[in-house]
C-alpha atoms as a PDB file:
ATOM      1  CA  MET A   1      78.441  88.032 111.439  1.00  0.00           C
ATOM      2  CA  GLN A   2      76.412  90.640 112.302  1.00  0.00           C
ATOM      3  CA  ASP A   3      77.586  92.522 115.464  1.00  0.00           C
ATOM      4  CA  LYS A   4      74.777  92.904 118.388  1.00  0.00           C
ATOM      5  CA  VAL A   5      74.742  96.125 120.484  1.00  0.00           C
ATOM      6  CA  VAL A   6      72.829  96.286 123.837  1.00  0.00           C
ATOM      7  CA  ILE A   7      72.708  99.689 125.631  1.00  0.00           C
ATOM      8  CA  LYS A   8      71.873  99.446 129.849  1.00  0.00           C
ATOM      9  CA  ILE A   9      70.655 102.832 130.731  1.00  0.00           C
ATOM     10  CA  LYS A  10      69.485 102.023 134.576  1.00  0.00           C
ATOM     11  CA  ASN A  11      66.082 100.030 134.426  1.00  0.00           C
ATOM     12  CA  TYR A  12      66.210 100.314 130.491  1.00  0.00           C
ATOM     13  CA  LYS A  13      68.016  97.938 128.125  1.00  0.00           C
ATOM     14  CA  PHE A  14      67.810  98.829 124.101  1.00  0.00           C
ATOM     15  CA  GLU A  15      68.622  96.447 121.226  1.00  0.00           C
ATOM     16  CA  ASP A  16      66.506  98.537 118.819  1.00  0.00           C
ATOM     17  CA  PHE A  17      67.409 102.141 118.177  1.00  0.00           C
ATOM     18  CA  GLU A  18      67.368 104.701 115.301  1.00  0.00           C
ATOM     19  CA  SER A  19      71.591 105.516 115.534  1.00  0.00           C
ATOM     20  CA  PHE A  20      74.263 105.706 117.663  1.00  0.00           C
ATOM     21  CA  GLU A  21      77.705 106.713 117.575  1.00  0.00           C
ATOM     22  CA  CYS A  22      80.429 106.411 120.660  1.00  0.00           C
ATOM     23  CA  SER A  23      84.329 107.206 120.300  1.00  0.00           C
ATOM     24  CA  SER A  24      87.545 106.469 122.020  1.00  0.00           C
ATOM     25  CA  GLU A  25      90.498 108.254 121.765  1.00  0.00           C
ATOM     26  CA  LEU A  26      93.719 106.760 123.597  1.00  0.00           C
ATOM     27  CA  PHE A  27      95.332 109.952 125.440  1.00  0.00           C
ATOM     28  CA  THR A  28      92.683 112.679 125.391  1.00  0.00           C
ATOM     29  CA  PHE A  29      90.239 111.892 127.929  1.00  0.00           C
ATOM     30  CA  SER A  30      87.477 113.070 125.220  1.00  0.00           C
ATOM     31  CA  ASP A  31      85.272 110.136 124.810  1.00  0.00           C
ATOM     32  CA  ILE A  32      82.229 110.809 123.682  1.00  0.00           C
ATOM     33  CA  PHE A  33      78.771 109.043 122.931  1.00  0.00           C
ATOM     34  CA  SER A  34      75.175 109.869 121.468  1.00  0.00           C
ATOM     35  CA  ILE A  35      72.083 107.990 120.894  1.00  0.00           C
ATOM     36  CA  THR A  36      69.192 108.398 119.001  1.00  0.00           C
ATOM     37  CA  LEU A  37      65.997 106.567 120.295  1.00  0.00           C
ATOM     38  CA  THR A  38      62.263 106.860 119.063  1.00  0.00           C
ATOM     39  CA  SER A  39      59.852 109.603 120.961  1.00  0.00           C
ATOM     40  CA  ASP A  40      57.716 107.072 123.265  1.00  0.00           C
ATOM     41  CA  ILE A  41      60.719 106.384 125.157  1.00  0.00           C
ATOM     42  CA  SER A  42      60.870 108.888 128.685  1.00  0.00           C
ATOM     43  CA  ILE A  43      64.338 108.463 129.812  1.00  0.00           C
ATOM     44  CA  GLU A  44      65.157 112.090 130.949  1.00  0.00           C
ATOM     45  CA  GLU A  45      64.231 110.806 134.699  1.00  0.00           C
ATOM     46  CA  TYR A  46      67.965 108.893 134.376  1.00  0.00           C
ATOM     47  CA  ILE A  47      70.027 111.923 133.266  1.00  0.00           C
ATOM     48  CA  GLY A  48      73.040 111.479 135.535  1.00  0.00           C
ATOM     49  CA  CYS A  49      73.198 107.807 135.401  1.00  0.00           C
ATOM     50  CA  PRO A  50      75.886 105.180 133.844  1.00  0.00           C
ATOM     51  CA  VAL A  51      75.537 104.245 130.087  1.00  0.00           C
ATOM     52  CA  GLU A  52      76.600 101.252 129.337  1.00  0.00           C
ATOM     53  CA  ILE A  53      77.268 100.022 125.405  1.00  0.00           C
ATOM     54  CA  GLU A  54      77.654  96.363 124.569  1.00  0.00           C
ATOM     55  CA  ILE A  55      78.889  94.818 121.646  1.00  0.00           C
ATOM     56  CA  ASN A  56      78.664  91.039 120.597  1.00  0.00           C
ATOM     57  CA  GLY A  57      78.582  90.137 124.710  1.00  0.00           C
ATOM     58  CA  GLU A  58      81.472  92.835 125.248  1.00  0.00           C
ATOM     59  CA  LYS A  59      81.329  96.078 127.713  1.00  0.00           C
ATOM     60  CA  GLU A  60      82.822  98.094 124.782  1.00  0.00           C
ATOM     61  CA  PHE A  61      82.351 101.689 126.593  1.00  0.00           C
ATOM     62  CA  LEU A  62      80.977 103.310 130.035  1.00  0.00           C
ATOM     63  CA  GLY A  63      79.739 106.639 129.806  1.00  0.00           C
ATOM     64  CA  ILE A  64      77.652 109.194 132.265  1.00  0.00           C
ATOM     65  CA  PHE A  65      74.053 110.567 130.941  1.00  0.00           C
ATOM     66  CA  GLU A  66      74.874 114.047 130.771  1.00  0.00           C
ATOM     67  CA  ARG A  67      72.881 115.960 127.291  1.00  0.00           C
ATOM     68  CA  TYR A  68      68.667 115.289 126.831  1.00  0.00           C
ATOM     69  CA  GLU A  69      67.269 116.791 123.996  1.00  0.00           C
ATOM     70  CA  HIS A  70      63.737 115.809 122.343  1.00  0.00           C
ATOM     71  CA  PRO A  71      63.715 117.849 118.916  1.00  0.00           C
ATOM     72  CA  TYR A  72      60.706 117.912 116.802  1.00  0.00           C
ATOM     73  CA  SER A  73      59.440 118.654 113.931  1.00  0.00           C
ATOM     74  CA  LYS A  74      56.429 117.072 111.690  1.00  0.00           C
ATOM     75  CA  ASN A  75      58.737 114.664 109.799  1.00  0.00           C
ATOM     76  CA  SER A  76      60.895 113.971 113.159  1.00  0.00           C
ATOM     77  CA  ASP A  77      59.819 113.207 116.548  1.00  0.00           C
ATOM     78  CA  ILE A  78      63.074 111.609 118.298  1.00  0.00           C
ATOM     79  CA  VAL A  79      64.941 111.435 121.530  1.00  0.00           C
ATOM     80  CA  LYS A  80      69.015 111.657 121.742  1.00  0.00           C
ATOM     81  CA  ILE A  81      70.853 111.185 124.637  1.00  0.00           C
ATOM     82  CA  SER A  82      74.353 112.080 124.963  1.00  0.00           C
ATOM     83  CA  GLY A  83      77.733 112.469 127.255  1.00  0.00           C
ATOM     84  CA  ARG A  84      81.237 111.269 128.265  1.00  0.00           C
ATOM     85  CA  ASN A  85      83.111 108.395 129.355  1.00  0.00           C
ATOM     86  CA  VAL A  86      82.939 108.171 133.024  1.00  0.00           C
ATOM     87  CA  ALA A  87      86.415 109.150 133.011  1.00  0.00           C
ATOM     88  CA  GLY A  88      85.825 112.167 131.720  1.00  0.00           C
ATOM     89  CA  ILE A  89      84.414 113.621 134.252  1.00  0.00           C
ATOM     90  CA  LEU A  90      88.146 114.159 135.572  1.00  0.00           C
ATOM     91  CA  VAL A  91      88.823 116.668 132.960  1.00  0.00           C
ATOM     92  CA  ASP A  92      86.697 119.481 134.524  1.00  0.00           C
ATOM     93  CA  PHE A  93      86.323 117.947 137.834  1.00  0.00           C
ATOM     94  CA  TYR A  94      88.513 120.651 140.353  1.00  0.00           C
ATOM     95  CA  CYS A  95      90.327 119.993 143.288  1.00  0.00           C
ATOM     96  CA  GLY A  96      89.009 120.637 146.345  1.00  0.00           C
ATOM     97  CA  GLU A  97      91.735 120.819 148.685  1.00  0.00           C
ATOM     98  CA  TYR A  98      94.673 123.364 147.453  1.00  0.00           C
ATOM     99  CA  TYR A  99      97.930 122.623 149.749  1.00  0.00           C
ATOM    100  CA  ASP A 100     101.305 121.459 149.347  1.00  0.00           C
ATOM    101  CA  LEU A 101     102.064 117.532 149.418  1.00  0.00           C
ATOM    102  CA  THR A 102     105.454 116.469 150.531  1.00  0.00           C
ATOM    103  CA  ASN A 103     106.730 112.765 150.103  1.00  0.00           C
ATOM    104  CA  ILE A 104     103.928 111.503 148.484  1.00  0.00           C
ATOM    105  CA  THR A 105     103.687 109.029 145.447  1.00  0.00           C
ATOM    106  CA  LEU A 106     101.649 108.647 142.359  1.00  0.00           C
ATOM    107  CA  LYS A 107      99.516 105.881 143.716  1.00  0.00           C
ATOM    108  CA  GLU A 108      98.743 107.623 147.200  1.00  0.00           C
ATOM    109  CA  LEU A 109      98.002 111.085 145.399  1.00  0.00           C
ATOM    110  CA  THR A 110      95.568 109.131 142.999  1.00  0.00           C
ATOM    111  CA  GLU A 111      93.445 107.188 145.687  1.00  0.00           C
ATOM    112  CA  MET A 112      93.497 110.914 147.500  1.00  0.00           C
ATOM    113  CA  LEU A 113      92.119 113.390 144.480  1.00  0.00           C
ATOM    114  CA  LEU A 114      89.399 110.112 143.274  1.00  0.00           C
ATOM    115  CA  LYS A 115      88.001 109.542 146.862  1.00  0.00           C
ATOM    116  CA  ASN A 116      85.133 111.605 146.059  1.00  0.00           C
ATOM    117  CA  VAL A 117      84.710 111.119 142.092  1.00  0.00           C
ATOM    118  CA  PRO A 118      81.930 109.051 141.686  1.00  0.00           C
ATOM    119  CA  PHE A 119      81.345 105.943 138.572  1.00  0.00           C
ATOM    120  CA  LEU A 120      85.846 105.462 138.933  1.00  0.00           C
ATOM    121  CA  ASP A 121      87.114 102.776 141.582  1.00  0.00           C
ATOM    122  CA  ARG A 122      90.045 104.408 143.050  1.00  0.00           C
ATOM    123  CA  TYR A 123      91.350 101.262 144.143  1.00  0.00           C
ATOM    124  CA  ASN A 124      91.018 100.006 140.163  1.00  0.00           C
ATOM    125  CA  VAL A 125      93.794 101.773 139.206  1.00  0.00           C
ATOM    126  CA  GLU A 126      96.540  99.976 136.910  1.00  0.00           C
ATOM    127  CA  TYR A 127     100.148 101.322 137.521  1.00  0.00           C
ATOM    128  CA  GLN A 128     102.088  98.937 135.374  1.00  0.00           C
ATOM    129  CA  ASN A 129     105.996  97.766 136.552  1.00  0.00           C
ATOM    130  CA  ASN A 130     106.723  97.618 132.816  1.00  0.00           C
ATOM    131  CA  PRO A 131     107.326 101.205 131.239  1.00  0.00           C
ATOM    132  CA  TYR A 132     110.291 100.280 129.965  1.00  0.00           C
ATOM    133  CA  GLY A 133     109.271  97.069 128.657  1.00  0.00           C
ATOM    134  CA  LYS A 134     111.013  94.551 130.998  1.00  0.00           C
ATOM    135  CA  ILE A 135     108.111  92.896 132.217  1.00  0.00           C
ATOM    136  CA  LYS A 136     104.843  92.080 129.872  1.00  0.00           C
ATOM    137  CA  GLY A 137     101.339  91.997 130.887  1.00  0.00           C
ATOM    138  CA  LYS A 138     101.511  92.378 134.858  1.00  0.00           C
ATOM    139  CA  LYS A 139     100.044  95.268 137.483  1.00  0.00           C
ATOM    140  CA  ALA A 140     102.391  96.399 139.656  1.00  0.00           C
ATOM    141  CA  ASP A 141     103.373  94.716 142.595  1.00  0.00           C
ATOM    142  CA  ASN A 142     104.664  96.682 145.651  1.00  0.00           C
ATOM    143  CA  LYS A 143     108.623  96.607 145.276  1.00  0.00           C
ATOM    144  CA  LEU A 144     108.220  97.197 141.358  1.00  0.00           C
ATOM    145  CA  LEU A 145     105.866 100.091 142.353  1.00  0.00           C
ATOM    146  CA  GLN A 146     108.237 101.404 145.157  1.00  0.00           C
ATOM    147  CA  LEU A 147     110.931 101.726 142.526  1.00  0.00           C
ATOM    148  CA  LEU A 148     108.793 103.197 140.028  1.00  0.00           C
ATOM    149  CA  ASP A 149     106.319 105.375 142.123  1.00  0.00           C
ATOM    150  CA  ALA A 150     109.379 107.126 144.242  1.00  0.00           C
ATOM    151  CA  PRO A 151     107.641 109.845 146.662  1.00  0.00           C
ATOM    152  CA  GLU A 152     108.018 113.630 145.525  1.00  0.00           C
ATOM    153  CA  GLU A 153     109.532 116.597 147.179  1.00  0.00           C
ATOM    154  CA  PHE A 154     107.109 118.840 146.149  1.00  0.00           C
ATOM    155  CA  VAL A 155     103.748 119.046 144.473  1.00  0.00           C
ATOM    156  CA  LYS A 156     101.962 122.028 144.542  1.00  0.00           C
ATOM    157  CA  ILE A 157      97.784 121.888 143.666  1.00  0.00           C
ATOM    158  CA  GLU A 158      96.752 125.533 142.819  1.00  0.00           C
ATOM    159  CA  PRO A 159      93.271 126.557 142.999  1.00  0.00           C
ATOM    160  CA  GLY A 160      91.745 126.340 139.580  1.00  0.00           C
ATOM    161  CA  MET A 161      93.572 122.657 138.541  1.00  0.00           C
ATOM    162  CA  THR A 162      91.480 119.707 138.055  1.00  0.00           C
ATOM    163  CA  ILE A 163      92.009 116.375 139.172  1.00  0.00           C
ATOM    164  CA  PHE A 164      93.358 115.272 135.770  1.00  0.00           C
ATOM    165  CA  GLU A 165      96.089 117.625 135.485  1.00  0.00           C
ATOM    166  CA  VAL A 166      97.726 116.989 138.276  1.00  0.00           C
ATOM    167  CA  LEU A 167      97.520 113.339 137.661  1.00  0.00           C
ATOM    168  CA  ARG A 168      98.651 113.702 134.250  1.00  0.00           C
ATOM    169  CA  ALA A 169     101.233 116.174 135.171  1.00  0.00           C
ATOM    170  CA  PHE A 170     102.641 114.344 137.854  1.00  0.00           C
ATOM    171  CA  ALA A 171     103.034 111.039 136.330  1.00  0.00           C
ATOM    172  CA  ILE A 172     104.390 112.492 132.933  1.00  0.00           C
ATOM    173  CA  SER A 173     106.646 113.627 135.449  1.00  0.00           C
ATOM    174  CA  LYS A 174     108.162 110.235 136.435  1.00  0.00           C
ATOM    175  CA  GLY A 175     107.925 109.430 132.515  1.00  0.00           C
ATOM    176  CA  LEU A 176     104.327 108.144 132.337  1.00  0.00           C
ATOM    177  CA  LEU A 177     101.409 108.533 130.415  1.00  0.00           C
ATOM    178  CA  PHE A 178      98.031 108.758 131.980  1.00  0.00           C
ATOM    179  CA  PHE A 179      95.276 107.223 130.031  1.00  0.00           C
ATOM    180  CA  CYS A 180      91.908 105.849 130.255  1.00  0.00           C
ATOM    181  CA  LEU A 181      90.392 103.001 127.625  1.00  0.00           C
ATOM    182  CA  PRO A 182      86.386 103.195 127.095  1.00  0.00           C
ATOM    183  CA  ASN A 183      84.896 100.722 129.807  1.00  0.00           C
ATOM    184  CA  GLY A 184      86.389 103.719 132.298  1.00  0.00           C
ATOM    185  CA  LYS A 185      89.749 101.640 133.201  1.00  0.00           C
ATOM    186  CA  LEU A 186      92.470 104.195 134.231  1.00  0.00           C
ATOM    187  CA  ILE A 187      96.078 103.921 133.985  1.00  0.00           C
ATOM    188  CA  PHE A 188      99.171 105.231 134.488  1.00  0.00           C
ATOM    189  CA  GLY A 189     102.279 103.523 132.003  1.00  0.00           C
ATOM    190  CA  LYS A 190     102.642 103.460 128.376  1.00  0.00           C
ATOM    191  CA  PRO A 191     100.333 101.667 125.368  1.00  0.00           C
ATOM    192  CA  LYS A 192     101.598  99.037 123.256  1.00  0.00           C
ATOM    193  CA  GLU A 193     104.828  98.655 121.598  1.00  0.00           C
ATOM    194  CA  GLY A 194     104.293  95.933 119.385  1.00  0.00           C
ATOM    195  CA  GLY A 195     103.258  91.961 119.848  1.00  0.00           C
ATOM    196  CA  GLU A 196     101.225  89.682 117.965  1.00  0.00           C
ATOM    197  CA  PRO A 197      98.625  92.233 115.390  1.00  0.00           C
ATOM    198  CA  ALA A 198      94.681  91.953 116.678  1.00  0.00           C
ATOM    199  CA  TYR A 199      93.607  92.914 113.264  1.00  0.00           C
ATOM    200  CA  SER A 200      94.401  93.003 109.594  1.00  0.00           C
ATOM    201  CA  ILE A 201      93.790  96.271 107.394  1.00  0.00           C
ATOM    202  CA  ILE A 202      93.720  95.297 103.590  1.00  0.00           C
ATOM    203  CA  ARG A 203      93.080  97.710 100.605  1.00  0.00           C
ATOM    204  CA  ARG A 204      93.742  96.960  97.401  1.00  0.00           C
ATOM    205  CA  GLN A 205      93.153  98.544  94.051  1.00  0.00           C
ATOM    206  CA  ASP A 206      90.337  96.534  93.437  1.00  0.00           C
ATOM    207  CA  ASN A 207      88.126  94.859  96.393  1.00  0.00           C
ATOM    208  CA  SER A 208      89.098  95.168 100.364  1.00  0.00           C
ATOM    209  CA  ASN A 209      87.820  95.498 103.498  1.00  0.00           C
ATOM    210  CA  VAL A 210      88.018  98.907 103.828  1.00  0.00           C
ATOM    211  CA  ILE A 211      85.584 101.591 103.326  1.00  0.00           C
ATOM    212  CA  GLU A 212      87.673 104.930 103.157  1.00  0.00           C
ATOM    213  CA  GLY A 213      90.642 105.629 103.867  1.00  0.00           C
ATOM    214  CA  ASN A 214      92.868 109.193 104.982  1.00  0.00           C
ATOM    215  CA  TYR A 215      96.843 109.783 105.532  1.00  0.00           C
ATOM    216  CA  CYS A 216      96.928 113.254 106.472  1.00  0.00           C
ATOM    217  CA  ILE A 217     100.378 115.452 107.230  1.00  0.00           C
ATOM    218  CA  ASP A 218      99.784 118.242 109.499  1.00  0.00           C
ATOM    219  CA  ILE A 219     103.019 120.568 111.776  1.00  0.00           C
ATOM    220  CA  SER A 220     100.583 123.155 112.965  1.00  0.00           C
ATOM    221  CA  LYS A 221     100.534 122.274 116.527  1.00  0.00           C
ATOM    222  CA  SER A 222     104.387 121.224 116.685  1.00  0.00           C
ATOM    223  CA  TYR A 223     106.990 122.983 117.108  1.00  0.00           C
ATOM    224  CA  SER A 224     111.017 123.314 116.481  1.00  0.00           C
ATOM    225  CA  ASP A 225     111.960 123.314 120.214  1.00  0.00           C
ATOM    226  CA  ILE A 226     110.515 123.345 123.598  1.00  0.00           C
ATOM    227  CA  THR A 227     111.270 124.980 126.954  1.00  0.00           C
ATOM    228  CA  ILE A 228     109.920 123.598 130.181  1.00  0.00           C
ATOM    229  CA  ILE A 229     110.353 126.147 132.909  1.00  0.00           C
ATOM    230  CA  SER A 230     109.333 124.990 136.770  1.00  0.00           C
ATOM    231  CA  GLN A 231     110.187 126.025 140.378  1.00  0.00           C
ATOM    232  CA  TYR A 232     110.562 123.877 143.448  1.00  0.00           C
ATOM    233  CA  GLN A 233     111.947 123.592 147.026  1.00  0.00           C
ATOM    234  CA  PRO A 234     114.673 121.238 148.025  1.00  0.00           C
ATOM    235  CA  LYS A 235     113.594 118.586 150.747  1.00  0.00           C
ATOM    236  CA  ASP A 236     116.336 119.991 152.823  1.00  0.00           C
ATOM    237  CA  LYS A 237     114.731 123.185 155.117  1.00  0.00           C
ATOM    238  CA  MET A 238     118.483 124.173 155.474  1.00  0.00           C
ATOM    239  CA  ILE A 239     117.878 125.588 151.700  1.00  0.00           C
ATOM    240  CA  ASN A 240     115.658 128.311 151.836  1.00  0.00           C
ATOM    241  CA  ASN A 241     116.033 129.268 148.537  1.00  0.00           C
ATOM    242  CA  THR A 242     113.679 128.109 145.498  1.00  0.00           C
ATOM    243  CA  ILE A 243     115.590 126.293 142.753  1.00  0.00           C
ATOM    244  CA  ASN A 244     114.731 127.008 139.305  1.00  0.00           C
ATOM    245  CA  ILE A 245     114.339 124.479 136.472  1.00  0.00           C
ATOM    246  CA  TYR A 246     115.012 125.216 133.108  1.00  0.00           C
ATOM    247  CA  LYS A 247     115.039 122.879 129.909  1.00  0.00           C
ATOM    248  CA  LYS A 248     115.085 122.640 126.460  1.00  0.00           C
ATOM    249  CA  LEU A 249     114.855 120.358 123.386  1.00  0.00           C
ATOM    250  CA  GLN A 250     115.175 120.920 119.842  1.00  0.00           C
ATOM    251  CA  ASN A 251     112.589 119.086 117.306  1.00  0.00           C
ATOM    252  CA  TYR A 252     114.897 118.235 114.134  1.00  0.00           C
ATOM    253  CA  GLN A 253     111.966 117.398 112.152  1.00  0.00           C
ATOM    254  CA  TYR A 254     110.632 120.368 111.934  1.00  0.00           C
ATOM    255  CA  PRO A 255     110.873 122.958 109.010  1.00  0.00           C
ATOM    256  CA  PHE A 256     111.495 126.422 110.362  1.00  0.00           C
ATOM    257  CA  TYR A 257     111.617 128.089 114.262  1.00  0.00           C
ATOM    258  CA  LYS A 258     108.562 128.594 116.424  1.00  0.00           C
ATOM    259  CA  PRO A 259     109.628 127.448 119.635  1.00  0.00           C
ATOM    260  CA  TYR A 260     107.068 126.764 122.886  1.00  0.00           C
ATOM    261  CA  VAL A 261     106.955 126.964 126.448  1.00  0.00           C
ATOM    262  CA  THR A 262     105.585 125.355 129.069  1.00  0.00           C
ATOM    263  CA  THR A 263     105.284 125.268 133.066  1.00  0.00           C
ATOM    264  CA  ARG A 264     104.931 121.975 133.999  1.00  0.00           C
ATOM    265  CA  LEU A 265     104.340 120.632 137.959  1.00  0.00           C
ATOM    266  CA  THR A 266     107.837 118.837 138.730  1.00  0.00           C
ATOM    267  CA  SER A 267     110.242 118.807 141.023  1.00  0.00           C
ATOM    268  CA  ASN A 268     113.434 118.219 139.984  1.00  0.00           C
ATOM    269  CA  MET A 269     115.734 118.190 136.576  1.00  0.00           C
ATOM    270  CA  LYS A 270     114.979 114.050 135.366  1.00  0.00           C
ATOM    271  CA  ASN A 271     111.645 114.776 136.120  1.00  0.00           C
ATOM    272  CA  ALA A 272     111.693 117.969 133.668  1.00  0.00           C
ATOM    273  CA  GLU A 273     113.637 115.553 131.163  1.00  0.00           C
ATOM    274  CA  ASN A 274     110.888 112.854 131.286  1.00  0.00           C
ATOM    275  CA  SER A 275     108.257 115.545 130.708  1.00  0.00           C
ATOM    276  CA  ILE A 276     110.037 117.386 128.003  1.00  0.00           C
ATOM    277  CA  LYS A 277     110.718 114.087 126.139  1.00  0.00           C
ATOM    278  CA  LEU A 278     107.069 112.950 126.119  1.00  0.00           C
ATOM    279  CA  LEU A 279     105.197 115.979 125.196  1.00  0.00           C
ATOM    280  CA  MET A 280     107.936 116.606 121.931  1.00  0.00           C
ATOM    281  CA  ASN A 281     107.205 112.841 120.705  1.00  0.00           C
ATOM    282  CA  LYS A 282     103.495 113.644 121.257  1.00  0.00           C
ATOM    283  CA  MET A 283     103.761 116.617 119.057  1.00  0.00           C
ATOM    284  CA  ASN A 284     105.375 114.630 116.600  1.00  0.00           C
ATOM    285  CA  SER A 285     103.143 111.712 116.791  1.00  0.00           C
ATOM    286  CA  GLU A 286      99.754 114.446 116.341  1.00  0.00           C
ATOM    287  CA  SER A 287     101.018 115.748 113.069  1.00  0.00           C
ATOM    288  CA  TYR A 288     100.281 113.006 111.007  1.00  0.00           C
ATOM    289  CA  ASP A 289      96.914 110.745 110.804  1.00  0.00           C
ATOM    290  CA  ILE A 290      96.328 107.418 109.187  1.00  0.00           C
ATOM    291  CA  SER A 291      93.085 106.293 109.329  1.00  0.00           C
ATOM    292  CA  TYR A 292      90.442 103.643 108.049  1.00  0.00           C
ATOM    293  CA  THR A 293      86.925 103.141 108.239  1.00  0.00           C
ATOM    294  CA  LEU A 294      85.554  99.931 108.059  1.00  0.00           C
ATOM    295  CA  ARG A 295      82.432  97.870 107.990  1.00  0.00           C
ATOM    296  CA  GLY A 296      81.370  96.382 111.364  1.00  0.00           C
ATOM    297  CA  PHE A 297      82.318  96.458 114.719  1.00  0.00           C
ATOM    298  CA  SER A 298      84.862  93.672 114.536  1.00  0.00           C
ATOM    299  CA  GLN A 299      86.923  91.270 112.884  1.00  0.00           C
ATOM    300  CA  ALA A 300      87.052  87.738 113.434  1.00  0.00           C
ATOM    301  CA  GLY A 301      84.640  87.754 116.631  1.00  0.00           C
ATOM    302  CA  ASN A 302      86.988  90.604 117.679  1.00  0.00           C
ATOM    303  CA  ASN A 303      85.555  94.058 118.733  1.00  0.00           C
ATOM    304  CA  TYR A 304      87.913  96.463 117.445  1.00  0.00           C
ATOM    305  CA  ARG A 305      89.703  98.397 120.326  1.00  0.00           C
ATOM    306  CA  ILE A 306      91.988 101.143 120.943  1.00  0.00           C
ATOM    307  CA  ASN A 307      95.804 100.239 122.204  1.00  0.00           C
ATOM    308  CA  GLU A 308      95.850  97.186 120.032  1.00  0.00           C
ATOM    309  CA  ILE A 309      98.117  96.396 116.861  1.00  0.00           C
ATOM    310  CA  ALA A 310      97.030  95.832 113.507  1.00  0.00           C
ATOM    311  CA  TYR A 311      98.576  94.874 110.770  1.00  0.00           C
ATOM    312  CA  VAL A 312      97.810  97.454 107.844  1.00  0.00           C
ATOM    313  CA  LYS A 313      98.842  96.437 103.518  1.00  0.00           C
ATOM    314  CA  ASP A 314      97.589  99.442 101.594  1.00  0.00           C
ATOM    315  CA  ALA A 315      97.727  99.289  97.785  1.00  0.00           C
ATOM    316  CA  ILE A 316      97.145 102.812  97.306  1.00  0.00           C
ATOM    317  CA  TYR A 317      99.650 104.456  99.972  1.00  0.00           C
ATOM    318  CA  LYS A 318     102.146 101.921  99.952  1.00  0.00           C
ATOM    319  CA  PHE A 319     101.640 100.943 103.151  1.00  0.00           C
ATOM    320  CA  GLU A 320     102.878  97.625 105.005  1.00  0.00           C
ATOM    321  CA  ASN A 321     103.548  97.853 108.603  1.00  0.00           C
ATOM    322  CA  VAL A 322     102.156  97.359 112.063  1.00  0.00           C
ATOM    323  CA  TYR A 323     100.107 100.180 113.361  1.00  0.00           C
ATOM    324  CA  LEU A 324      98.669 101.174 117.133  1.00  0.00           C
ATOM    325  CA  ILE A 325      95.162 101.845 117.348  1.00  0.00           C
ATOM    326  CA  THR A 326      95.064 104.848 119.262  1.00  0.00           C
ATOM    327  CA  LYS A 327      91.294 106.135 117.957  1.00  0.00           C
ATOM    328  CA  ARG A 328      88.411 103.997 117.369  1.00  0.00           C
ATOM    329  CA  VAL A 329      84.818 105.319 116.851  1.00  0.00           C
ATOM    330  CA  PHE A 330      81.690 102.943 116.600  1.00  0.00           C
ATOM    331  CA  SER A 331      78.743 104.438 114.287  1.00  0.00           C
ATOM    332  CA  TYR A 332      75.485 102.618 113.339  1.00  0.00           C
ATOM    333  CA  SER A 333      72.483 103.862 111.641  1.00  0.00           C
ATOM    334  CA  LYS A 334      69.891 102.186 110.422  1.00  0.00           C
ATOM    335  CA  SER A 335      70.202 103.332 106.770  1.00  0.00           C
ATOM    336  CA  GLU A 336      73.763 103.348 106.798  1.00  0.00           C
ATOM    337  CA  GLY A 337      74.288 100.239 109.462  1.00  0.00           C
ATOM    338  CA  SER A 338      77.690  99.391 111.313  1.00  0.00           C
ATOM    339  CA  LYS A 339      80.948 101.281 110.748  1.00  0.00           C
ATOM    340  CA  THR A 340      84.210 101.610 112.660  1.00  0.00           C
ATOM    341  CA  LEU A 341      86.749 104.697 112.213  1.00  0.00           C
ATOM    342  CA  LEU A 342      90.411 103.224 113.459  1.00  0.00           C
ATOM    343  CA  THR A 343      92.901 106.136 113.451  1.00  0.00           C
ATOM    344  CA  LEU A 344      96.534 104.326 113.533  1.00  0.00           C
ATOM    345  CA  LYS A 345      99.704 105.510 114.858  1.00  0.00           C
ATOM    346  CA  LYS A 346     103.383 104.262 114.546  1.00  0.00           C
ATOM    347  CA  PRO A 347     103.750 102.010 117.978  1.00  0.00           C
ATOM    348  CA  GLY A 348     106.450 103.941 120.306  1.00  0.00           C
ATOM    349  CA  GLU A 349     106.044 107.028 118.414  1.00  0.00           C
ATOM    350  CA  VAL A 350     103.922 109.018 121.000  1.00  0.00           C
ATOM    351  CA  TYR A 351     106.129 108.608 124.102  1.00  0.00           C
ATOM    352  CA  VAL A 352     109.547 108.800 124.847  1.00  0.00           C
ATOM    353  CA  TRP A 353     111.826 106.887 127.334  1.00  0.00           C
END
């Protein structure tokens, strides 16, 4: 079945275009899109508006039109528009208020920081009640959220911090990850650990549904040990001294000594432990990549999506296992048709509790 793509920008609806690409990654908030149109379309007046990419009737990407280009040559006269996922605005949306926040929960902090952010619904954020895998597939109710989202003793927003930096640090201190889906949905929790695979990727020597694959090991961004240093003022006003927090974790997988030291927004030793374990496991998971380029945007009527499980059987790399899809890139051109690039990780490797 041929995939149907519809791109919507304000009053425009495109089903015929030269090319497009949209990239979605589970943890980086760096989802981007680019679309190439014929030059007879005047669309620059809509810069700053939402862009919706619909594939096979499903909204697969919601972005912001941030850049307009009209390159011209004797052989080409086209228009290019591009931008980021709507949640990407949090990466460079700076906090406008710099004061200490006492006894604030993650939910309260999120709603406060998002109140002036366009395109994002601050009340439509998912706070998972199953970060430890006890309850599947539900959002947090009030009692469970209260247990998970206990007030922090001390949080300080420093000048120059973005909303993304504050929320990510606060979430990690609670042992949660802060991530978004391509449609702009914000989630505090964890990605899928397993379950029934949504897709199958089969690569044989002679025939397969794979155009190309890549397996890469890269330890350049990993470290032999991680140290977190922080300070906080105890809630008890009778204690005037600032308490220092120092937590270190060793990475036994790393082949030689190369330390990493960081400061983190944290209020006690338990939060520091959560932070350092998540950071260590994230570094280890980023030290390898398995990726495949597939024909089309869907399989058996299901669009490819991040945070889904895929079964892989690869006769060349000798893999047969289930993996978590952490990155998806849809691309289309009139010359090459539609393709999807998927990046995979072992489920559970991108966090530690």
